[in-house]
ModelCIF file with pLDDT and N, C-alpha, C, O atoms, coordinates in Angstrom:
data_MODEL
#
_entry.id   MODEL 
#
_entity.id                         1 
_entity.type                       polymer 
_entity.pdbx_number_of_molecules   1 
#
_entity_poly.entity_id                      1 
_entity_poly.type                           'polypeptide(L)' 
_entity_poly.nstd_linkage                   no 
_entity_poly.nstd_monomer                   no 
_entity_poly.pdbx_seq_one_letter_code       
;(UNK)(UNK)(UNK)(UNK)(UNK)(UNK)(UNK)(UNK)(UNK)(UNK)(UNK)(UNK)(UNK)(UNK)(UNK)(UNK)
(UNK)(UNK)(UNK)(UNK)(UNK)(UNK)(UNK)(UNK)(UNK)(UNK)(UNK)(UNK)(UNK)(UNK)(UNK)(UNK)
(UNK)(UNK)(UNK)(UNK)(UNK)(UNK)(UNK)(UNK)(UNK)(UNK)(UNK)(UNK)
;
_entity_poly.pdbx_seq_one_letter_code_can   XXXXXXXXXXXXXXXXXXXXXXXXXXXXXXXXXXXXXXXXXXXX 
_entity_poly.pdbx_strand_id                 A 
#
loop_
_entity_poly_seq.entity_id 
_entity_poly_seq.num 
_entity_poly_seq.mon_id 
_entity_poly_seq.hetero 
1 1  UNK n 
1 2  UNK n 
1 3  UNK n 
1 4  UNK n 
1 5  UNK n 
1 6  UNK n 
1 7  UNK n 
1 8  UNK n 
1 9  UNK n 
1 10 UNK n 
1 11 UNK n 
1 12 UNK n 
1 13 UNK n 
1 14 UNK n 
1 15 UNK n 
1 16 UNK n 
1 17 UNK n 
1 18 UNK n 
1 19 UNK n 
1 20 UNK n 
1 21 UNK n 
1 22 UNK n 
1 23 UNK n 
1 24 UNK n 
1 25 UNK n 
1 26 UNK n 
1 27 UNK n 
1 28 UNK n 
1 29 UNK n 
1 30 UNK n 
1 31 UNK n 
1 32 UNK n 
1 33 UNK n 
1 34 UNK n 
1 35 UNK n 
1 36 UNK n 
1 37 UNK n 
1 38 UNK n 
1 39 UNK n 
1 40 UNK n 
1 41 UNK n 
1 42 UNK n 
1 43 UNK n 
1 44 UNK n 
#
_struct_asym.id          A 
_struct_asym.entity_id   1 
#
loop_
_ma_qa_metric.id 
_ma_qa_metric.mode 
_ma_qa_metric.name 
_ma_qa_metric.software_group_id 
_ma_qa_metric.type 
1 global pLDDT . pLDDT 
2 local  pLDDT . pLDDT 
#
_ma_qa_metric_global.metric_id      1 
_ma_qa_metric_global.metric_value   95.09 
_ma_qa_metric_global.model_id       1 
_ma_qa_metric_global.ordinal_id     1 
#
loop_
_ma_qa_metric_local.label_asym_id 
_ma_qa_metric_local.label_comp_id 
_ma_qa_metric_local.label_seq_id 
_ma_qa_metric_local.metric_id 
_ma_qa_metric_local.metric_value 
_ma_qa_metric_local.model_id 
_ma_qa_metric_local.ordinal_id 
A UNK 1  2 87.00 1 1  
A UNK 2  2 87.00 1 2  
A UNK 3  2 92.00 1 3  
A UNK 4  2 94.00 1 4  
A UNK 5  2 94.00 1 5  
A UNK 6  2 94.00 1 6  
A UNK 7  2 95.00 1 7  
A UNK 8  2 94.00 1 8  
A UNK 9  2 93.00 1 9  
A UNK 10 2 93.00 1 10 
A UNK 11 2 93.00 1 11 
A UNK 12 2 95.00 1 12 
A UNK 13 2 96.00 1 13 
A UNK 14 2 96.00 1 14 
A UNK 15 2 97.00 1 15 
A UNK 16 2 96.00 1 16 
A UNK 17 2 97.00 1 17 
A UNK 18 2 96.00 1 18 
A UNK 19 2 97.00 1 19 
A UNK 20 2 96.00 1 20 
A UNK 21 2 97.00 1 21 
A UNK 22 2 95.00 1 22 
A UNK 23 2 96.00 1 23 
A UNK 24 2 97.00 1 24 
A UNK 25 2 97.00 1 25 
A UNK 26 2 97.00 1 26 
A UNK 27 2 97.00 1 27 
A UNK 28 2 97.00 1 28 
A UNK 29 2 97.00 1 29 
A UNK 30 2 95.00 1 30 
A UNK 31 2 96.00 1 31 
A UNK 32 2 96.00 1 32 
A UNK 33 2 96.00 1 33 
A UNK 34 2 96.00 1 34 
A UNK 35 2 96.00 1 35 
A UNK 36 2 95.00 1 36 
A UNK 37 2 97.00 1 37 
A UNK 38 2 96.00 1 38 
A UNK 39 2 97.00 1 39 
A UNK 40 2 96.00 1 40 
A UNK 41 2 96.00 1 41 
A UNK 42 2 94.00 1 42 
A UNK 43 2 92.00 1 43 
A UNK 44 2 94.00 1 44 
#
loop_
_atom_site.group_PDB 
_atom_site.id 
_atom_site.type_symbol 
_atom_site.label_atom_id 
_atom_site.label_alt_id 
_atom_site.label_comp_id 
_atom_site.label_asym_id 
_atom_site.label_entity_id 
_atom_site.label_seq_id 
_atom_site.pdbx_PDB_ins_code 
_atom_site.Cartn_x 
_atom_site.Cartn_y 
_atom_site.Cartn_z 
_atom_site.occupancy 
_atom_site.B_iso_or_equiv 
_atom_site.pdbx_formal_charge 
_atom_site.auth_seq_id 
_atom_site.auth_comp_id 
_atom_site.auth_asym_id 
_atom_site.auth_atom_id 
_atom_site.pdbx_PDB_model_num 
ATOM 1   N N  . UNK A 1 1  ? -60.002 29.401 74.028 1.00 87.00 ? 1  UNK A N  1 
ATOM 2   C CA . UNK A 1 1  ? -59.850 30.298 72.889 1.00 87.00 ? 1  UNK A CA 1 
ATOM 3   C C  . UNK A 1 1  ? -61.027 31.271 72.836 1.00 87.00 ? 1  UNK A C  1 
ATOM 4   O O  . UNK A 1 1  ? -61.981 31.153 73.604 1.00 87.00 ? 1  UNK A O  1 
ATOM 5   N N  . UNK A 1 2  ? -60.945 32.220 71.928 1.00 87.00 ? 2  UNK A N  1 
ATOM 6   C CA . UNK A 1 2  ? -62.015 33.196 71.744 1.00 87.00 ? 2  UNK A CA 1 
ATOM 7   C C  . UNK A 1 2  ? -63.327 32.493 71.390 1.00 87.00 ? 2  UNK A C  1 
ATOM 8   O O  . UNK A 1 2  ? -64.367 32.803 71.972 1.00 87.00 ? 2  UNK A O  1 
ATOM 9   N N  . UNK A 1 3  ? -63.291 31.558 70.450 1.00 92.00 ? 3  UNK A N  1 
ATOM 10  C CA . UNK A 1 3  ? -64.528 30.877 70.044 1.00 92.00 ? 3  UNK A CA 1 
ATOM 11  C C  . UNK A 1 3  ? -65.069 29.976 71.152 1.00 92.00 ? 3  UNK A C  1 
ATOM 12  O O  . UNK A 1 3  ? -66.284 29.815 71.266 1.00 92.00 ? 3  UNK A O  1 
ATOM 13  N N  . UNK A 1 4  ? -64.206 29.390 71.963 1.00 94.00 ? 4  UNK A N  1 
ATOM 14  C CA . UNK A 1 4  ? -64.671 28.560 73.086 1.00 94.00 ? 4  UNK A CA 1 
ATOM 15  C C  . UNK A 1 4  ? -65.352 29.427 74.143 1.00 94.00 ? 4  UNK A C  1 
ATOM 16  O O  . UNK A 1 4  ? -66.369 29.026 74.710 1.00 94.00 ? 4  UNK A O  1 
ATOM 17  N N  . UNK A 1 5  ? -64.801 30.608 74.413 1.00 94.00 ? 5  UNK A N  1 
ATOM 18  C CA . UNK A 1 5  ? -65.443 31.527 75.364 1.00 94.00 ? 5  UNK A CA 1 
ATOM 19  C C  . UNK A 1 5  ? -66.798 31.969 74.810 1.00 94.00 ? 5  UNK A C  1 
ATOM 20  O O  . UNK A 1 5  ? -67.759 32.110 75.566 1.00 94.00 ? 5  UNK A O  1 
ATOM 21  N N  . UNK A 1 6  ? -66.880 32.185 73.506 1.00 94.00 ? 6  UNK A N  1 
ATOM 22  C CA . UNK A 1 6  ? -68.167 32.539 72.882 1.00 94.00 ? 6  UNK A CA 1 
ATOM 23  C C  . UNK A 1 6  ? -69.185 31.412 73.066 1.00 94.00 ? 6  UNK A C  1 
ATOM 24  O O  . UNK A 1 6  ? -70.363 31.681 73.304 1.00 94.00 ? 6  UNK A O  1 
ATOM 25  N N  . UNK A 1 7  ? -68.752 30.166 72.960 1.00 95.00 ? 7  UNK A N  1 
ATOM 26  C CA . UNK A 1 7  ? -69.655 29.030 73.195 1.00 95.00 ? 7  UNK A CA 1 
ATOM 27  C C  . UNK A 1 7  ? -70.157 29.027 74.630 1.00 95.00 ? 7  UNK A C  1 
ATOM 28  O O  . UNK A 1 7  ? -71.344 28.815 74.880 1.00 95.00 ? 7  UNK A O  1 
ATOM 29  N N  . UNK A 1 8  ? -69.255 29.262 75.564 1.00 94.00 ? 8  UNK A N  1 
ATOM 30  C CA . UNK A 1 8  ? -69.634 29.322 76.980 1.00 94.00 ? 8  UNK A CA 1 
ATOM 31  C C  . UNK A 1 8  ? -70.646 30.450 77.196 1.00 94.00 ? 8  UNK A C  1 
ATOM 32  O O  . UNK A 1 8  ? -71.605 30.284 77.950 1.00 94.00 ? 8  UNK A O  1 
ATOM 33  N N  . UNK A 1 9  ? -70.438 31.590 76.540 1.00 93.00 ? 9  UNK A N  1 
ATOM 34  C CA . UNK A 1 9  ? -71.369 32.721 76.665 1.00 93.00 ? 9  UNK A CA 1 
ATOM 35  C C  . UNK A 1 9  ? -72.771 32.341 76.211 1.00 93.00 ? 9  UNK A C  1 
ATOM 36  O O  . UNK A 1 9  ? -73.757 32.840 76.754 1.00 93.00 ? 9  UNK A O  1 
ATOM 37  N N  . UNK A 1 10 ? -72.866 31.454 75.213 1.00 93.00 ? 10 UNK A N  1 
ATOM 38  C CA . UNK A 1 10 ? -74.177 30.989 74.723 1.00 93.00 ? 10 UNK A CA 1 
ATOM 39  C C  . UNK A 1 10 ? -74.747 29.868 75.594 1.00 93.00 ? 10 UNK A C  1 
ATOM 40  O O  . UNK A 1 10 ? -75.869 29.416 75.365 1.00 93.00 ? 10 UNK A O  1 
ATOM 41  N N  . UNK A 1 11 ? -73.980 29.420 76.590 1.00 93.00 ? 11 UNK A N  1 
ATOM 42  C CA . UNK A 1 11 ? -74.445 28.352 77.455 1.00 93.00 ? 11 UNK A CA 1 
ATOM 43  C C  . UNK A 1 11 ? -74.112 26.962 76.938 1.00 93.00 ? 11 UNK A C  1 
ATOM 44  O O  . UNK A 1 11 ? -74.576 25.967 77.494 1.00 93.00 ? 11 UNK A O  1 
ATOM 45  N N  . UNK A 1 12 ? -73.312 26.884 75.878 1.00 95.00 ? 12 UNK A N  1 
ATOM 46  C CA . UNK A 1 12 ? -72.933 25.587 75.303 1.00 95.00 ? 12 UNK A CA 1 
ATOM 47  C C  . UNK A 1 12 ? -71.684 25.038 75.995 1.00 95.00 ? 12 UNK A C  1 
ATOM 48  O O  . UNK A 1 12 ? -70.861 25.797 76.507 1.00 95.00 ? 12 UNK A O  1 
ATOM 49  N N  . UNK A 1 13 ? -71.560 23.742 76.001 1.00 96.00 ? 13 UNK A N  1 
ATOM 50  C CA . UNK A 1 13 ? -70.383 23.091 76.576 1.00 96.00 ? 13 UNK A CA 1 
ATOM 51  C C  . UNK A 1 13 ? -69.219 23.167 75.605 1.00 96.00 ? 13 UNK A C  1 
ATOM 52  O O  . UNK A 1 13 ? -69.409 23.270 74.393 1.00 96.00 ? 13 UNK A O  1 
ATOM 53  N N  . UNK A 1 14 ? -68.015 23.115 76.150 1.00 96.00 ? 14 UNK A N  1 
ATOM 54  C CA . UNK A 1 14 ? -66.790 23.021 75.360 1.00 96.00 ? 14 UNK A CA 1 
ATOM 55  C C  . UNK A 1 14 ? -66.116 21.725 75.784 1.00 96.00 ? 14 UNK A C  1 
ATOM 56  O O  . UNK A 1 14 ? -65.907 21.485 76.974 1.00 96.00 ? 14 UNK A O  1 
ATOM 57  N N  . UNK A 1 15 ? -65.779 20.895 74.812 1.00 97.00 ? 15 UNK A N  1 
ATOM 58  C CA . UNK A 1 15 ? -65.204 19.595 75.123 1.00 97.00 ? 15 UNK A CA 1 
ATOM 59  C C  . UNK A 1 15 ? -63.946 19.344 74.308 1.00 97.00 ? 15 UNK A C  1 
ATOM 60  O O  . UNK A 1 15 ? -63.838 19.784 73.163 1.00 97.00 ? 15 UNK A O  1 
ATOM 61  N N  . UNK A 1 16 ? -62.992 18.631 74.908 1.00 96.00 ? 16 UNK A N  1 
ATOM 62  C CA . UNK A 1 16 ? -61.748 18.245 74.233 1.00 96.00 ? 16 UNK A CA 1 
ATOM 63  C C  . UNK A 1 16 ? -61.407 16.815 74.606 1.00 96.00 ? 16 UNK A C  1 
ATOM 64  O O  . UNK A 1 16 ? -61.976 16.233 75.529 1.00 96.00 ? 16 UNK A O  1 
ATOM 65  N N  . UNK A 1 17 ? -60.461 16.268 73.861 1.00 97.00 ? 17 UNK A N  1 
ATOM 66  C CA . UNK A 1 17 ? -60.099 14.860 74.054 1.00 97.00 ? 17 UNK A CA 1 
ATOM 67  C C  . UNK A 1 17 ? -58.606 14.691 73.792 1.00 97.00 ? 17 UNK A C  1 
ATOM 68  O O  . UNK A 1 17 ? -58.060 15.255 72.844 1.00 97.00 ? 17 UNK A O  1 
ATOM 69  N N  . UNK A 1 18 ? -57.960 13.909 74.643 1.00 96.00 ? 18 UNK A N  1 
ATOM 70  C CA . UNK A 1 18 ? -56.571 13.506 74.431 1.00 96.00 ? 18 UNK A CA 1 
ATOM 71  C C  . UNK A 1 18 ? -56.553 11.993 74.321 1.00 96.00 ? 18 UNK A C  1 
ATOM 72  O O  . UNK A 1 18 ? -56.990 11.279 75.223 1.00 96.00 ? 18 UNK A O  1 
ATOM 73  N N  . UNK A 1 19 ? -56.036 11.519 73.189 1.00 97.00 ? 19 UNK A N  1 
ATOM 74  C CA . UNK A 1 19 ? -56.008 10.074 72.946 1.00 97.00 ? 19 UNK A CA 1 
ATOM 75  C C  . UNK A 1 19 ? -54.636 9.497  73.303 1.00 97.00 ? 19 UNK A C  1 
ATOM 76  O O  . UNK A 1 19 ? -53.594 10.065 72.975 1.00 97.00 ? 19 UNK A O  1 
ATOM 77  N N  . UNK A 1 20 ? -54.672 8.383  73.967 1.00 96.00 ? 20 UNK A N  1 
ATOM 78  C CA . UNK A 1 20 ? -53.487 7.596  74.305 1.00 96.00 ? 20 UNK A CA 1 
ATOM 79  C C  . UNK A 1 20 ? -53.606 6.261  73.579 1.00 96.00 ? 20 UNK A C  1 
ATOM 80  O O  . UNK A 1 20 ? -54.686 5.930  73.090 1.00 96.00 ? 20 UNK A O  1 
ATOM 81  N N  . UNK A 1 21 ? -52.529 5.489  73.495 1.00 97.00 ? 21 UNK A N  1 
ATOM 82  C CA . UNK A 1 21 ? -52.630 4.199  72.808 1.00 97.00 ? 21 UNK A CA 1 
ATOM 83  C C  . UNK A 1 21 ? -53.698 3.268  73.397 1.00 97.00 ? 21 UNK A C  1 
ATOM 84  O O  . UNK A 1 21 ? -54.339 2.512  72.667 1.00 97.00 ? 21 UNK A O  1 
ATOM 85  N N  . UNK A 1 22 ? -53.884 3.328  74.719 1.00 95.00 ? 22 UNK A N  1 
ATOM 86  C CA . UNK A 1 22 ? -54.797 2.367  75.343 1.00 95.00 ? 22 UNK A CA 1 
ATOM 87  C C  . UNK A 1 22 ? -56.068 2.985  75.927 1.00 95.00 ? 22 UNK A C  1 
ATOM 88  O O  . UNK A 1 22 ? -56.938 2.260  76.410 1.00 95.00 ? 22 UNK A O  1 
ATOM 89  N N  . UNK A 1 23 ? -56.186 4.320  75.888 1.00 96.00 ? 23 UNK A N  1 
ATOM 90  C CA . UNK A 1 23 ? -57.357 4.962  76.492 1.00 96.00 ? 23 UNK A CA 1 
ATOM 91  C C  . UNK A 1 23 ? -57.482 6.392  75.978 1.00 96.00 ? 23 UNK A C  1 
ATOM 92  O O  . UNK A 1 23 ? -56.604 6.903  75.283 1.00 96.00 ? 23 UNK A O  1 
ATOM 93  N N  . UNK A 1 24 ? -58.590 7.018  76.336 1.00 97.00 ? 24 UNK A N  1 
ATOM 94  C CA . UNK A 1 24 ? -58.851 8.404  75.959 1.00 97.00 ? 24 UNK A CA 1 
ATOM 95  C C  . UNK A 1 24 ? -59.239 9.183  77.210 1.00 97.00 ? 24 UNK A C  1 
ATOM 96  O O  . UNK A 1 24 ? -60.003 8.700  78.046 1.00 97.00 ? 24 UNK A O  1 
ATOM 97  N N  . UNK A 1 25 ? -58.704 10.390 77.325 1.00 97.00 ? 25 UNK A N  1 
ATOM 98  C CA . UNK A 1 25 ? -59.081 11.289 78.407 1.00 97.00 ? 25 UNK A CA 1 
ATOM 99  C C  . UNK A 1 25 ? -59.920 12.399 77.805 1.00 97.00 ? 25 UNK A C  1 
ATOM 100 O O  . UNK A 1 25 ? -59.451 13.138 76.939 1.00 97.00 ? 25 UNK A O  1 
ATOM 101 N N  . UNK A 1 26 ? -61.153 12.518 78.259 1.00 97.00 ? 26 UNK A N  1 
ATOM 102 C CA . UNK A 1 26 ? -62.044 13.589 77.822 1.00 97.00 ? 26 UNK A CA 1 
ATOM 103 C C  . UNK A 1 26 ? -62.084 14.641 78.917 1.00 97.00 ? 26 UNK A C  1 
ATOM 104 O O  . UNK A 1 26 ? -62.014 14.326 80.105 1.00 97.00 ? 26 UNK A O  1 
ATOM 105 N N  . UNK A 1 27 ? -62.197 15.902 78.497 1.00 97.00 ? 27 UNK A N  1 
ATOM 106 C CA . UNK A 1 27 ? -62.385 16.962 79.476 1.00 97.00 ? 27 UNK A CA 1 
ATOM 107 C C  . UNK A 1 27 ? -63.341 17.983 78.899 1.00 97.00 ? 27 UNK A C  1 
ATOM 108 O O  . UNK A 1 27 ? -63.330 18.272 77.702 1.00 97.00 ? 27 UNK A O  1 
ATOM 109 N N  . UNK A 1 28 ? -64.173 18.523 79.781 1.00 97.00 ? 28 UNK A N  1 
ATOM 110 C CA . UNK A 1 28 ? -65.257 19.389 79.327 1.00 97.00 ? 28 UNK A CA 1 
ATOM 111 C C  . UNK A 1 28 ? -65.513 20.503 80.321 1.00 97.00 ? 28 UNK A C  1 
ATOM 112 O O  . UNK A 1 28 ? -65.272 20.374 81.521 1.00 97.00 ? 28 UNK A O  1 
ATOM 113 N N  . UNK A 1 29 ? -66.009 21.598 79.780 1.00 97.00 ? 29 UNK A N  1 
ATOM 114 C CA . UNK A 1 29 ? -66.435 22.730 80.585 1.00 97.00 ? 29 UNK A CA 1 
ATOM 115 C C  . UNK A 1 29 ? -67.908 22.960 80.273 1.00 97.00 ? 29 UNK A C  1 
ATOM 116 O O  . UNK A 1 29 ? -68.283 23.146 79.115 1.00 97.00 ? 29 UNK A O  1 
ATOM 117 N N  . UNK A 1 30 ? -68.733 22.944 81.304 1.00 95.00 ? 30 UNK A N  1 
ATOM 118 C CA . UNK A 1 30 ? -70.183 23.061 81.161 1.00 95.00 ? 30 UNK A CA 1 
ATOM 119 C C  . UNK A 1 30 ? -70.667 24.323 81.857 1.00 95.00 ? 30 UNK A C  1 
ATOM 120 O O  . UNK A 1 30 ? -70.021 24.835 82.771 1.00 95.00 ? 30 UNK A O  1 
ATOM 121 N N  . UNK A 1 31 ? -71.792 24.805 81.417 1.00 96.00 ? 31 UNK A N  1 
ATOM 122 C CA . UNK A 1 31 ? -72.485 25.909 82.067 1.00 96.00 ? 31 UNK A CA 1 
ATOM 123 C C  . UNK A 1 31 ? -73.804 25.354 82.582 1.00 96.00 ? 31 UNK A C  1 
ATOM 124 O O  . UNK A 1 31 ? -74.529 24.675 81.854 1.00 96.00 ? 31 UNK A O  1 
ATOM 125 N N  . UNK A 1 32 ? -74.111 25.648 83.842 1.00 96.00 ? 32 UNK A N  1 
ATOM 126 C CA . UNK A 1 32 ? -75.338 25.103 84.427 1.00 96.00 ? 32 UNK A CA 1 
ATOM 127 C C  . UNK A 1 32 ? -75.829 26.021 85.542 1.00 96.00 ? 32 UNK A C  1 
ATOM 128 O O  . UNK A 1 32 ? -75.127 26.939 85.966 1.00 96.00 ? 32 UNK A O  1 
ATOM 129 N N  . UNK A 1 33 ? -77.021 25.762 85.998 1.00 96.00 ? 33 UNK A N  1 
ATOM 130 C CA . UNK A 1 33 ? -77.579 26.504 87.120 1.00 96.00 ? 33 UNK A CA 1 
ATOM 131 C C  . UNK A 1 33 ? -77.072 25.892 88.419 1.00 96.00 ? 33 UNK A C  1 
ATOM 132 O O  . UNK A 1 33 ? -77.792 25.169 89.108 1.00 96.00 ? 33 UNK A O  1 
ATOM 133 N N  . UNK A 1 34 ? -75.818 26.196 88.737 1.00 96.00 ? 34 UNK A N  1 
ATOM 134 C CA . UNK A 1 34 ? -75.167 25.705 89.946 1.00 96.00 ? 34 UNK A CA 1 
ATOM 135 C C  . UNK A 1 34 ? -74.639 26.909 90.728 1.00 96.00 ? 34 UNK A C  1 
ATOM 136 O O  . UNK A 1 34 ? -74.408 27.970 90.149 1.00 96.00 ? 34 UNK A O  1 
ATOM 137 N N  . UNK A 1 35 ? -74.445 26.748 92.046 1.00 96.00 ? 35 UNK A N  1 
ATOM 138 C CA . UNK A 1 35 ? -74.011 27.898 92.852 1.00 96.00 ? 35 UNK A CA 1 
ATOM 139 C C  . UNK A 1 35 ? -72.511 28.209 92.769 1.00 96.00 ? 35 UNK A C  1 
ATOM 140 O O  . UNK A 1 35 ? -72.109 29.352 92.989 1.00 96.00 ? 35 UNK A O  1 
ATOM 141 N N  . UNK A 1 36 ? -71.679 27.209 92.456 1.00 95.00 ? 36 UNK A N  1 
ATOM 142 C CA . UNK A 1 36 ? -70.228 27.402 92.509 1.00 95.00 ? 36 UNK A CA 1 
ATOM 143 C C  . UNK A 1 36 ? -69.540 26.655 91.367 1.00 95.00 ? 36 UNK A C  1 
ATOM 144 O O  . UNK A 1 36 ? -70.099 25.718 90.796 1.00 95.00 ? 36 UNK A O  1 
ATOM 145 N N  . UNK A 1 37 ? -68.324 27.081 91.045 1.00 97.00 ? 37 UNK A N  1 
ATOM 146 C CA . UNK A 1 37 ? -67.495 26.327 90.112 1.00 97.00 ? 37 UNK A CA 1 
ATOM 147 C C  . UNK A 1 37 ? -67.176 24.986 90.775 1.00 97.00 ? 37 UNK A C  1 
ATOM 148 O O  . UNK A 1 37 ? -66.811 24.938 91.950 1.00 97.00 ? 37 UNK A O  1 
ATOM 149 N N  . UNK A 1 38 ? -67.316 23.910 90.018 1.00 96.00 ? 38 UNK A N  1 
ATOM 150 C CA . UNK A 1 38 ? -67.078 22.582 90.585 1.00 96.00 ? 38 UNK A CA 1 
ATOM 151 C C  . UNK A 1 38 ? -66.465 21.672 89.528 1.00 96.00 ? 38 UNK A C  1 
ATOM 152 O O  . UNK A 1 38 ? -66.619 21.897 88.327 1.00 96.00 ? 38 UNK A O  1 
ATOM 153 N N  . UNK A 1 39 ? -65.770 20.643 89.995 1.00 97.00 ? 39 UNK A N  1 
ATOM 154 C CA . UNK A 1 39 ? -65.153 19.672 89.089 1.00 97.00 ? 39 UNK A CA 1 
ATOM 155 C C  . UNK A 1 39 ? -65.473 18.266 89.562 1.00 97.00 ? 39 UNK A C  1 
ATOM 156 O O  . UNK A 1 39 ? -65.702 18.013 90.745 1.00 97.00 ? 39 UNK A O  1 
ATOM 157 N N  . UNK A 1 40 ? -65.479 17.355 88.584 1.00 96.00 ? 40 UNK A N  1 
ATOM 158 C CA . UNK A 1 40 ? -65.632 15.936 88.930 1.00 96.00 ? 40 UNK A CA 1 
ATOM 159 C C  . UNK A 1 40 ? -64.833 15.119 87.916 1.00 96.00 ? 40 UNK A C  1 
ATOM 160 O O  . UNK A 1 40 ? -64.543 15.569 86.808 1.00 96.00 ? 40 UNK A O  1 
ATOM 161 N N  . UNK A 1 41 ? -64.497 13.926 88.333 1.00 96.00 ? 41 UNK A N  1 
ATOM 162 C CA . UNK A 1 41 ? -63.749 13.019 87.463 1.00 96.00 ? 41 UNK A CA 1 
ATOM 163 C C  . UNK A 1 41 ? -64.338 11.631 87.604 1.00 96.00 ? 41 UNK A C  1 
ATOM 164 O O  . UNK A 1 41 ? -64.388 11.081 88.704 1.00 96.00 ? 41 UNK A O  1 
ATOM 165 N N  . UNK A 1 42 ? -64.785 11.061 86.492 1.00 94.00 ? 42 UNK A N  1 
ATOM 166 C CA . UNK A 1 42 ? -65.223 9.676  86.472 1.00 94.00 ? 42 UNK A CA 1 
ATOM 167 C C  . UNK A 1 42 ? -65.162 9.156  85.044 1.00 94.00 ? 42 UNK A C  1 
ATOM 168 O O  . UNK A 1 42 ? -65.361 9.901  84.084 1.00 94.00 ? 42 UNK A O  1 
ATOM 169 N N  . UNK A 1 43 ? -64.889 7.893  84.925 1.00 92.00 ? 43 UNK A N  1 
ATOM 170 C CA . UNK A 1 43 ? -64.837 7.206  83.631 1.00 92.00 ? 43 UNK A CA 1 
ATOM 171 C C  . UNK A 1 43 ? -63.931 7.928  82.624 1.00 92.00 ? 43 UNK A C  1 
ATOM 172 O O  . UNK A 1 43 ? -64.324 8.160  81.481 1.00 92.00 ? 43 UNK A O  1 
ATOM 173 N N  . UNK A 1 44 ? -62.722 8.278  83.059 1.00 94.00 ? 44 UNK A N  1 
ATOM 174 C CA . UNK A 1 44 ? -61.732 8.942  82.209 1.00 94.00 ? 44 UNK A CA 1 
ATOM 175 C C  . UNK A 1 44 ? -62.239 10.262 81.636 1.00 94.00 ? 44 UNK A C  1 
ATOM 176 O O  . UNK A 1 44 ? -61.516 10.934 80.901 1.00 94.00 ? 44 UNK A O  1 
#
């Protein structure tokens, strides 16, 4: 969204969560001093 892009512009992370009956899936977008866009998945 517009406000989430504004957070990214400030260098802040944007995080969301989807809840299931038995577990939760978290997903986040971070800004860091890294050379490339990258993804990882661990611990849901």
